[in-house]
């Protein structure tokens, strides 16, 4: 998978299910940094302070990436909640995601195997219905060209997913465009061909 473009949660998402009289509330969110993941976990814990457990896991980065991950059993037997939740996230096909599974104990012990299945299933259920959008790493380019090329350049923009950030009109026309990093090389070539080489293109800044 291209780590410059990948699915991420479109917003906060919550599902619930009862398993042998215990109530499980699963909350998922987009968390592009470790700090945001930890903040999200704290918010959900604050929302359900009376729960028996608020177990959590997060993956920061592309789907399946283990470079920045975290997990917690939050009082459940070791390895029965956080680890299976993280494993489900790593195989879920979504990046930059954190999940908290809130459990209200219903009086029936699930056993270690039952807990692993329950917490795994809660995350899988949330991911199956999770609305997603695409995370696209973008860059900005400063482009300077002649007035005669304006119309042609504007016709190119949709094809390369480029957006005008700013424009300045003087002896020549100066633009700042923002576009996916995966489209930059092709966009440079298209601008060069369109203007017959009469164009100045420089990188400005990266989104991340």
C-alpha atoms as a PDB file:
ATOM      1  CA  UNK A   1       0.000   0.000   0.000  1.00  0.00           C
ATOM      2  CA  UNK A   2       1.226   3.508  -0.850  1.00  0.00           C
ATOM      3  CA  UNK A   3       1.997   5.094   2.519  1.00  0.00           C
ATOM      4  CA  UNK A   4       1.297   8.520   1.032  1.00  0.00           C
ATOM      5  CA  UNK A   5      -2.364   7.714   0.418  1.00  0.00           C
ATOM      6  CA  UNK A   6      -4.454   5.455   2.621  1.00  0.00           C
ATOM      7  CA  UNK A   7      -7.875   5.157   4.316  1.00  0.00           C
ATOM      8  CA  UNK A   8      -8.417   6.950   7.630  1.00  0.00           C
ATOM      9  CA  UNK A   9     -11.514   7.374   9.815  1.00  0.00           C
ATOM     10  CA  UNK A  10     -13.802  10.101   8.506  1.00  0.00           C
ATOM     11  CA  UNK A  11     -14.833  11.050  12.034  1.00  0.00           C
ATOM     12  CA  UNK A  12     -15.840   9.716  15.417  1.00  0.00           C
ATOM     13  CA  UNK A  13     -17.609   6.354  15.162  1.00  0.00           C
ATOM     14  CA  UNK A  14     -19.296   4.285  17.864  1.00  0.00           C
ATOM     15  CA  UNK A  15     -20.921   0.844  18.007  1.00  0.00           C
ATOM     16  CA  UNK A  16     -22.292  -1.238  20.886  1.00  0.00           C
ATOM     17  CA  UNK A  17     -22.959  -4.891  21.560  1.00  0.00           C
ATOM     18  CA  UNK A  18     -23.858  -7.132  24.493  1.00  0.00           C
ATOM     19  CA  UNK A  19     -21.800 -10.248  25.077  1.00  0.00           C
ATOM     20  CA  UNK A  20     -23.009 -12.575  27.841  1.00  0.00           C
ATOM     21  CA  UNK A  21     -24.665  -9.683  29.652  1.00  0.00           C
ATOM     22  CA  UNK A  22     -21.588  -7.419  29.506  1.00  0.00           C
ATOM     23  CA  UNK A  23     -22.096  -4.193  27.552  1.00  0.00           C
ATOM     24  CA  UNK A  24     -19.273  -3.278  25.174  1.00  0.00           C
ATOM     25  CA  UNK A  25     -19.113   0.228  23.686  1.00  0.00           C
ATOM     26  CA  UNK A  26     -16.505   0.666  20.961  1.00  0.00           C
ATOM     27  CA  UNK A  27     -15.414   4.168  19.972  1.00  0.00           C
ATOM     28  CA  UNK A  28     -13.048   4.825  17.066  1.00  0.00           C
ATOM     29  CA  UNK A  29     -11.529   8.068  15.807  1.00  0.00           C
ATOM     30  CA  UNK A  30      -8.956   9.562  13.475  1.00  0.00           C
ATOM     31  CA  UNK A  31      -5.736  10.172  15.431  1.00  0.00           C
ATOM     32  CA  UNK A  32      -2.825  11.216  13.170  1.00  0.00           C
ATOM     33  CA  UNK A  33      -0.349  11.612  16.048  1.00  0.00           C
ATOM     34  CA  UNK A  34       0.457   9.713  19.236  1.00  0.00           C
ATOM     35  CA  UNK A  35      -0.518  12.781  21.260  1.00  0.00           C
ATOM     36  CA  UNK A  36      -3.950  12.915  19.619  1.00  0.00           C
ATOM     37  CA  UNK A  37      -4.427   9.197  20.191  1.00  0.00           C
ATOM     38  CA  UNK A  38      -3.678   9.564  23.899  1.00  0.00           C
ATOM     39  CA  UNK A  39      -5.926  12.614  24.134  1.00  0.00           C
ATOM     40  CA  UNK A  40      -8.765  10.687  22.466  1.00  0.00           C
ATOM     41  CA  UNK A  41      -8.370   7.811  24.929  1.00  0.00           C
ATOM     42  CA  UNK A  42      -8.503  10.275  27.829  1.00  0.00           C
ATOM     43  CA  UNK A  43     -11.688  11.870  26.455  1.00  0.00           C
ATOM     44  CA  UNK A  44     -13.459   8.536  26.129  1.00  0.00           C
ATOM     45  CA  UNK A  45     -12.349   7.470  29.617  1.00  0.00           C
ATOM     46  CA  UNK A  46     -13.772  10.753  30.871  1.00  0.00           C
ATOM     47  CA  UNK A  47     -17.044  10.035  29.090  1.00  0.00           C
ATOM     48  CA  UNK A  48     -17.381   6.594  30.719  1.00  0.00           C
ATOM     49  CA  UNK A  49     -15.785   7.034  34.162  1.00  0.00           C
ATOM     50  CA  UNK A  50     -18.105   4.454  35.733  1.00  0.00           C
ATOM     51  CA  UNK A  51     -17.175   1.654  33.314  1.00  0.00           C
ATOM     52  CA  UNK A  52     -15.302  -1.387  34.602  1.00  0.00           C
ATOM     53  CA  UNK A  53     -12.728  -1.099  31.811  1.00  0.00           C
ATOM     54  CA  UNK A  54     -11.751   1.335  29.066  1.00  0.00           C
ATOM     55  CA  UNK A  55      -9.306  -0.730  27.026  1.00  0.00           C
ATOM     56  CA  UNK A  56      -7.616   0.876  24.073  1.00  0.00           C
ATOM     57  CA  UNK A  57      -5.242   0.557  21.134  1.00  0.00           C
ATOM     58  CA  UNK A  58      -3.992   2.857  18.409  1.00  0.00           C
ATOM     59  CA  UNK A  59      -2.008   2.806  15.174  1.00  0.00           C
ATOM     60  CA  UNK A  60      -0.416   6.031  13.956  1.00  0.00           C
ATOM     61  CA  UNK A  61       0.726   5.748  10.355  1.00  0.00           C
ATOM     62  CA  UNK A  62      -0.311   3.665   7.351  1.00  0.00           C
ATOM     63  CA  UNK A  63      -2.466   0.542   7.801  1.00  0.00           C
ATOM     64  CA  UNK A  64      -0.423  -2.268   9.302  1.00  0.00           C
ATOM     65  CA  UNK A  65       2.441  -0.025  10.397  1.00  0.00           C
ATOM     66  CA  UNK A  66       3.897  -0.905  13.817  1.00  0.00           C
ATOM     67  CA  UNK A  67       6.224   2.104  14.081  1.00  0.00           C
ATOM     68  CA  UNK A  68       3.866   4.042  16.371  1.00  0.00           C
ATOM     69  CA  UNK A  69       1.389   1.856  18.235  1.00  0.00           C
ATOM     70  CA  UNK A  70       0.000   1.644  21.743  1.00  0.00           C
ATOM     71  CA  UNK A  71      -2.399  -0.525  23.748  1.00  0.00           C
ATOM     72  CA  UNK A  72      -3.766  -1.138  27.227  1.00  0.00           C
ATOM     73  CA  UNK A  73      -5.739  -3.922  28.941  1.00  0.00           C
ATOM     74  CA  UNK A  74      -6.955  -1.384  31.540  1.00  0.00           C
ATOM     75  CA  UNK A  75      -7.430  -3.969  34.261  1.00  0.00           C
ATOM     76  CA  UNK A  76      -8.511  -6.916  32.129  1.00  0.00           C
ATOM     77  CA  UNK A  77      -6.250 -10.007  32.396  1.00  0.00           C
ATOM     78  CA  UNK A  78      -2.898  -9.400  30.683  1.00  0.00           C
ATOM     79  CA  UNK A  79      -3.044  -9.857  26.917  1.00  0.00           C
ATOM     80  CA  UNK A  80      -6.810 -10.291  26.677  1.00  0.00           C
ATOM     81  CA  UNK A  81      -7.820  -6.804  25.497  1.00  0.00           C
ATOM     82  CA  UNK A  82      -5.144  -4.361  24.311  1.00  0.00           C
ATOM     83  CA  UNK A  83      -3.115  -6.860  22.288  1.00  0.00           C
ATOM     84  CA  UNK A  84      -6.070  -8.416  20.414  1.00  0.00           C
ATOM     85  CA  UNK A  85      -7.484  -4.927  19.802  1.00  0.00           C
ATOM     86  CA  UNK A  86      -4.172  -3.790  18.326  1.00  0.00           C
ATOM     87  CA  UNK A  87      -3.942  -6.909  16.179  1.00  0.00           C
ATOM     88  CA  UNK A  88      -7.426  -6.231  14.816  1.00  0.00           C
ATOM     89  CA  UNK A  89      -6.438  -2.635  14.023  1.00  0.00           C
ATOM     90  CA  UNK A  90      -3.235  -3.720  12.261  1.00  0.00           C
ATOM     91  CA  UNK A  91      -5.268  -6.016  10.012  1.00  0.00           C
ATOM     92  CA  UNK A  92      -8.151  -3.593   9.561  1.00  0.00           C
ATOM     93  CA  UNK A  93      -6.909  -1.707   6.509  1.00  0.00           C
ATOM     94  CA  UNK A  94      -7.242   1.729   8.144  1.00  0.00           C
ATOM     95  CA  UNK A  95      -4.442   4.039   9.291  1.00  0.00           C
ATOM     96  CA  UNK A  96      -4.145   6.811  11.877  1.00  0.00           C
ATOM     97  CA  UNK A  97      -6.819   5.232  14.046  1.00  0.00           C
ATOM     98  CA  UNK A  98      -7.458   4.776  17.766  1.00  0.00           C
ATOM     99  CA  UNK A  99     -10.107   2.617  19.392  1.00  0.00           C
ATOM    100  CA  UNK A 100     -11.424   2.442  22.951  1.00  0.00           C
ATOM    101  CA  UNK A 101     -13.578  -0.493  24.001  1.00  0.00           C
ATOM    102  CA  UNK A 102     -15.571   0.390  27.111  1.00  0.00           C
ATOM    103  CA  UNK A 103     -16.895  -2.574  29.103  1.00  0.00           C
ATOM    104  CA  UNK A 104     -19.639  -2.651  31.691  1.00  0.00           C
ATOM    105  CA  UNK A 105     -19.366  -6.037  33.394  1.00  0.00           C
ATOM    106  CA  UNK A 106     -22.614  -7.990  33.403  1.00  0.00           C
ATOM    107  CA  UNK A 107     -21.767 -10.608  35.991  1.00  0.00           C
ATOM    108  CA  UNK A 108     -20.697 -13.455  33.700  1.00  0.00           C
ATOM    109  CA  UNK A 109     -16.986 -14.249  33.430  1.00  0.00           C
ATOM    110  CA  UNK A 110     -15.873 -14.697  29.838  1.00  0.00           C
ATOM    111  CA  UNK A 111     -12.533 -16.393  30.482  1.00  0.00           C
ATOM    112  CA  UNK A 112      -9.330 -15.387  28.732  1.00  0.00           C
ATOM    113  CA  UNK A 113     -10.323 -16.869  25.394  1.00  0.00           C
ATOM    114  CA  UNK A 114     -13.735 -15.286  25.587  1.00  0.00           C
ATOM    115  CA  UNK A 115     -12.234 -11.887  26.378  1.00  0.00           C
ATOM    116  CA  UNK A 116      -9.842 -12.098  23.434  1.00  0.00           C
ATOM    117  CA  UNK A 117     -12.715 -12.963  21.105  1.00  0.00           C
ATOM    118  CA  UNK A 118     -14.896 -10.220  22.559  1.00  0.00           C
ATOM    119  CA  UNK A 119     -12.345  -7.411  22.254  1.00  0.00           C
ATOM    120  CA  UNK A 120     -11.219  -8.578  18.826  1.00  0.00           C
ATOM    121  CA  UNK A 121     -14.826  -8.741  17.661  1.00  0.00           C
ATOM    122  CA  UNK A 122     -15.635  -5.298  19.019  1.00  0.00           C
ATOM    123  CA  UNK A 123     -12.844  -3.686  17.006  1.00  0.00           C
ATOM    124  CA  UNK A 124     -13.708  -5.677  13.893  1.00  0.00           C
ATOM    125  CA  UNK A 125     -17.357  -4.654  14.208  1.00  0.00           C
ATOM    126  CA  UNK A 126     -16.380  -0.990  14.495  1.00  0.00           C
ATOM    127  CA  UNK A 127     -14.036  -1.169  11.502  1.00  0.00           C
ATOM    128  CA  UNK A 128     -16.622  -2.910   9.321  1.00  0.00           C
ATOM    129  CA  UNK A 129     -19.036   0.002   9.691  1.00  0.00           C
ATOM    130  CA  UNK A 130     -16.421   2.762  10.011  1.00  0.00           C
ATOM    131  CA  UNK A 131     -16.894   5.673   7.562  1.00  0.00           C
ATOM    132  CA  UNK A 132     -13.522   6.433   5.998  1.00  0.00           C
ATOM    133  CA  UNK A 133     -11.898   9.078   3.882  1.00  0.00           C
ATOM    134  CA  UNK A 134      -8.483   9.198   2.249  1.00  0.00           C
ATOM    135  CA  UNK A 135      -5.371  10.579   3.851  1.00  0.00           C
ATOM    136  CA  UNK A 136      -3.359  12.229   1.108  1.00  0.00           C
ATOM    137  CA  UNK A 137       0.086  13.647   1.686  1.00  0.00           C
ATOM    138  CA  UNK A 138       0.277  16.938  -0.184  1.00  0.00           C
ATOM    139  CA  UNK A 139       2.983  19.357  -1.225  1.00  0.00           C
ATOM    140  CA  UNK A 140       2.954  22.925  -2.440  1.00  0.00           C
ATOM    141  CA  UNK A 141       4.614  24.247  -5.556  1.00  0.00           C
ATOM    142  CA  UNK A 142       5.434  27.811  -6.531  1.00  0.00           C
ATOM    143  CA  UNK A 143       4.889  28.232 -10.263  1.00  0.00           C
ATOM    144  CA  UNK A 144       5.762  31.256 -12.394  1.00  0.00           C
ATOM    145  CA  UNK A 145       4.656  31.451 -16.018  1.00  0.00           C
ATOM    146  CA  UNK A 146       3.494  33.742 -18.817  1.00  0.00           C
ATOM    147  CA  UNK A 147      -0.043  35.103 -19.094  1.00  0.00           C
ATOM    148  CA  UNK A 148      -0.652  33.160 -22.300  1.00  0.00           C
ATOM    149  CA  UNK A 149      -0.524  29.892 -20.343  1.00  0.00           C
ATOM    150  CA  UNK A 150      -3.160  30.738 -17.722  1.00  0.00           C
ATOM    151  CA  UNK A 151      -6.146  29.065 -19.372  1.00  0.00           C
ATOM    152  CA  UNK A 152      -4.210  25.934 -20.219  1.00  0.00           C
ATOM    153  CA  UNK A 153      -2.865  25.618 -16.698  1.00  0.00           C
ATOM    154  CA  UNK A 154      -6.310  25.941 -15.158  1.00  0.00           C
ATOM    155  CA  UNK A 155      -7.595  23.158 -17.404  1.00  0.00           C
ATOM    156  CA  UNK A 156      -4.827  20.909 -16.094  1.00  0.00           C
ATOM    157  CA  UNK A 157      -5.658  21.317 -12.391  1.00  0.00           C
ATOM    158  CA  UNK A 158      -8.498  18.781 -11.990  1.00  0.00           C
ATOM    159  CA  UNK A 159      -6.521  16.016 -13.690  1.00  0.00           C
ATOM    160  CA  UNK A 160      -3.683  16.367 -11.167  1.00  0.00           C
ATOM    161  CA  UNK A 161      -5.901  17.124  -8.128  1.00  0.00           C
ATOM    162  CA  UNK A 162      -4.150  20.479  -7.830  1.00  0.00           C
ATOM    163  CA  UNK A 163      -5.710  23.417  -6.009  1.00  0.00           C
ATOM    164  CA  UNK A 164      -4.802  27.090  -6.227  1.00  0.00           C
ATOM    165  CA  UNK A 165      -3.549  28.343  -2.858  1.00  0.00           C
ATOM    166  CA  UNK A 166      -2.641  31.831  -4.033  1.00  0.00           C
ATOM    167  CA  UNK A 167      -2.050  33.779  -7.224  1.00  0.00           C
ATOM    168  CA  UNK A 168      -0.175  36.964  -8.030  1.00  0.00           C
ATOM    169  CA  UNK A 169      -0.229  38.968 -11.234  1.00  0.00           C
ATOM    170  CA  UNK A 170       2.783  41.092 -12.183  1.00  0.00           C
ATOM    171  CA  UNK A 171       5.096  40.932 -15.211  1.00  0.00           C
ATOM    172  CA  UNK A 172       4.398  37.204 -15.063  1.00  0.00           C
ATOM    173  CA  UNK A 173       1.791  35.144 -13.220  1.00  0.00           C
ATOM    174  CA  UNK A 174       2.766  33.518  -9.937  1.00  0.00           C
ATOM    175  CA  UNK A 175       0.779  30.634  -8.485  1.00  0.00           C
ATOM    176  CA  UNK A 176       1.023  28.450  -5.454  1.00  0.00           C
ATOM    177  CA  UNK A 177      -0.569  25.074  -6.004  1.00  0.00           C
ATOM    178  CA  UNK A 178      -1.227  22.286  -3.521  1.00  0.00           C
ATOM    179  CA  UNK A 179      -1.494  18.731  -4.809  1.00  0.00           C
ATOM    180  CA  UNK A 180      -0.876  15.117  -3.786  1.00  0.00           C
ATOM    181  CA  UNK A 181       2.813  14.264  -3.677  1.00  0.00           C
ATOM    182  CA  UNK A 182       2.089  11.311  -5.957  1.00  0.00           C
ATOM    183  CA  UNK A 183       1.003  13.699  -8.742  1.00  0.00           C
ATOM    184  CA  UNK A 184       3.876  16.179  -8.561  1.00  0.00           C
ATOM    185  CA  UNK A 185       6.200  14.673 -11.170  1.00  0.00           C
ATOM    186  CA  UNK A 186       3.443  14.289 -13.753  1.00  0.00           C
ATOM    187  CA  UNK A 187       2.187  17.811 -13.037  1.00  0.00           C
ATOM    188  CA  UNK A 188       5.687  19.243 -13.551  1.00  0.00           C
ATOM    189  CA  UNK A 189       5.920  17.461 -16.889  1.00  0.00           C
ATOM    190  CA  UNK A 190       2.486  18.681 -17.962  1.00  0.00           C
ATOM    191  CA  UNK A 191       3.339  22.297 -17.064  1.00  0.00           C
ATOM    192  CA  UNK A 192       6.639  22.102 -18.886  1.00  0.00           C
ATOM    193  CA  UNK A 193       4.992  20.677 -22.004  1.00  0.00           C
ATOM    194  CA  UNK A 194       2.146  23.198 -21.900  1.00  0.00           C
ATOM    195  CA  UNK A 195       4.459  26.200 -21.619  1.00  0.00           C
ATOM    196  CA  UNK A 196       7.149  24.778 -23.902  1.00  0.00           C
ATOM    197  CA  UNK A 197       9.591  25.049 -21.028  1.00  0.00           C
ATOM    198  CA  UNK A 198       8.732  28.671 -20.192  1.00  0.00           C
ATOM    199  CA  UNK A 199       7.885  27.987 -16.560  1.00  0.00           C
ATOM    200  CA  UNK A 200       9.614  28.123 -13.176  1.00  0.00           C
ATOM    201  CA  UNK A 201       8.565  25.445 -10.679  1.00  0.00           C
ATOM    202  CA  UNK A 202       9.858  25.274  -7.113  1.00  0.00           C
ATOM    203  CA  UNK A 203       8.729  23.300  -4.058  1.00  0.00           C
ATOM    204  CA  UNK A 204       7.438  25.486  -1.232  1.00  0.00           C
ATOM    205  CA  UNK A 205       6.526  23.321   1.726  1.00  0.00           C
ATOM    206  CA  UNK A 206       5.181  19.934   2.667  1.00  0.00           C
ATOM    207  CA  UNK A 207       1.979  19.279   4.576  1.00  0.00           C
ATOM    208  CA  UNK A 208       3.776  16.920   7.004  1.00  0.00           C
END
